[in-house]
Amino acid sequence: MHGYVYILRSLKNNRFYIGSTINVDKRIQKHNTGFVQSTRNSHPYKIELIQEYRTIKEARQIEYKIKKLKRRDYIEKMILEKYIKLGR
């Protein structure tokens, strides 16, 4: 089963949220309806980038690496280039 990494931008405070899932539409809907505790106070969100991976495990590894960077400029570069450039 394929996995996806997504980057959202809060329309409320302009902050990014990075996540991974197997069902992008369902997951983003949960973010935008306040169902996800970590993003509840910052919705609505705009989808900035979605990238597919072979497995959810691989997608989660990439999500973790992006979150570990804690660099807004790297996230903005990924969005601008429409591609997540990180190793496994």
Protein backbone atom coordinates (compact mmCIF):
# COMPACT_ATOMS: atom_id res chain seq x y z
CA MET A 1 0.00 0.00 0.00
CA HIS A 2 1.32 3.42 -0.98
CA GLY A 3 1.99 6.17 1.52
CA TYR A 4 1.98 9.93 1.15
CA VAL A 5 3.77 12.81 2.82
CA TYR A 6 1.88 16.07 2.81
CA ILE A 7 2.68 19.63 3.77
CA LEU A 8 -0.15 21.89 4.86
CA ARG A 9 -0.11 25.63 5.53
CA SER A 10 -2.41 27.10 8.15
CA LEU A 11 -4.53 29.91 6.76
CA LYS A 12 -4.91 31.15 10.34
CA ASN A 13 -1.26 31.56 11.37
CA ASN A 14 0.76 30.69 8.22
CA ARG A 15 2.54 27.78 9.94
CA PHE A 16 3.33 24.51 8.23
CA TYR A 17 2.21 21.06 9.25
CA ILE A 18 3.89 17.93 7.87
CA GLY A 19 2.14 14.58 7.98
CA SER A 20 1.92 11.17 6.36
CA THR A 21 -1.04 8.96 5.52
CA ILE A 22 -2.41 6.31 3.21
CA ASN A 23 -5.54 8.37 2.42
CA VAL A 24 -4.73 12.03 1.76
CA ASP A 25 -8.28 13.29 1.20
CA LYS A 26 -9.63 11.75 4.39
CA ARG A 27 -6.66 12.91 6.48
CA ILE A 28 -6.79 16.52 5.26
CA GLN A 29 -10.52 16.61 5.89
CA LYS A 30 -9.79 15.57 9.50
CA HIS A 31 -7.25 18.39 9.83
CA ASN A 32 -9.70 20.96 8.47
CA THR A 33 -12.60 19.87 10.68
CA GLY A 34 -10.62 20.01 13.94
CA PHE A 35 -10.50 16.24 14.42
CA VAL A 36 -6.68 16.15 14.74
CA GLN A 37 -5.64 17.44 18.16
CA SER A 38 -2.25 18.82 17.07
CA THR A 39 -3.81 21.00 14.34
CA ARG A 40 -7.17 21.78 15.90
CA ASN A 41 -6.39 25.39 16.81
CA SER A 42 -4.87 26.36 13.47
CA HIS A 43 -7.35 25.20 10.83
CA PRO A 44 -8.28 25.76 8.05
CA TYR A 45 -5.33 24.42 6.09
CA LYS A 46 -4.23 24.72 2.50
CA ILE A 47 -2.46 21.78 0.82
CA GLU A 48 0.97 22.94 -0.30
CA LEU A 49 2.56 19.63 -1.36
CA ILE A 50 1.73 15.93 -1.56
CA GLN A 51 4.31 13.31 -2.51
CA GLU A 52 3.73 9.59 -2.94
CA TYR A 53 6.02 6.84 -1.64
CA ARG A 54 6.04 3.07 -2.12
CA THR A 55 4.96 2.34 1.45
CA ILE A 56 3.51 4.15 4.44
CA LYS A 57 6.65 3.16 6.36
CA GLU A 58 8.83 5.04 3.88
CA ALA A 59 6.46 8.05 3.98
CA ARG A 60 6.62 8.14 7.79
CA GLN A 61 10.42 8.04 7.69
CA ILE A 62 10.47 11.04 5.33
CA GLU A 63 7.90 12.87 7.50
CA TYR A 64 10.11 12.34 10.55
CA LYS A 65 13.21 13.64 8.74
CA ILE A 66 11.41 16.79 7.59
CA LYS A 67 10.10 17.45 11.10
CA LYS A 68 13.59 16.93 12.52
CA LEU A 69 14.99 19.62 10.22
CA LYS A 70 12.89 22.33 11.87
CA ARG A 71 13.79 24.61 8.98
CA ARG A 72 11.08 26.72 7.40
CA ASP A 73 13.37 27.63 4.50
CA TYR A 74 13.80 23.94 3.54
CA ILE A 75 10.05 23.39 3.67
CA GLU A 76 9.43 26.48 1.53
CA LYS A 77 12.05 25.27 -0.97
CA MET A 78 10.32 21.87 -1.22
CA ILE A 79 7.00 23.61 -1.85
CA LEU A 80 8.52 25.92 -4.45
CA GLU A 81 10.17 22.99 -6.26
CA LYS A 82 7.07 20.81 -5.76
CA TYR A 83 9.30 17.96 -4.64
CA ILE A 84 10.59 16.57 -1.34
CA LYS A 85 14.30 15.92 -1.72
CA LEU A 86 15.38 13.76 1.21
CA GLY A 87 17.01 10.37 1.37
CA ARG A 88 15.40 7.39 2.98
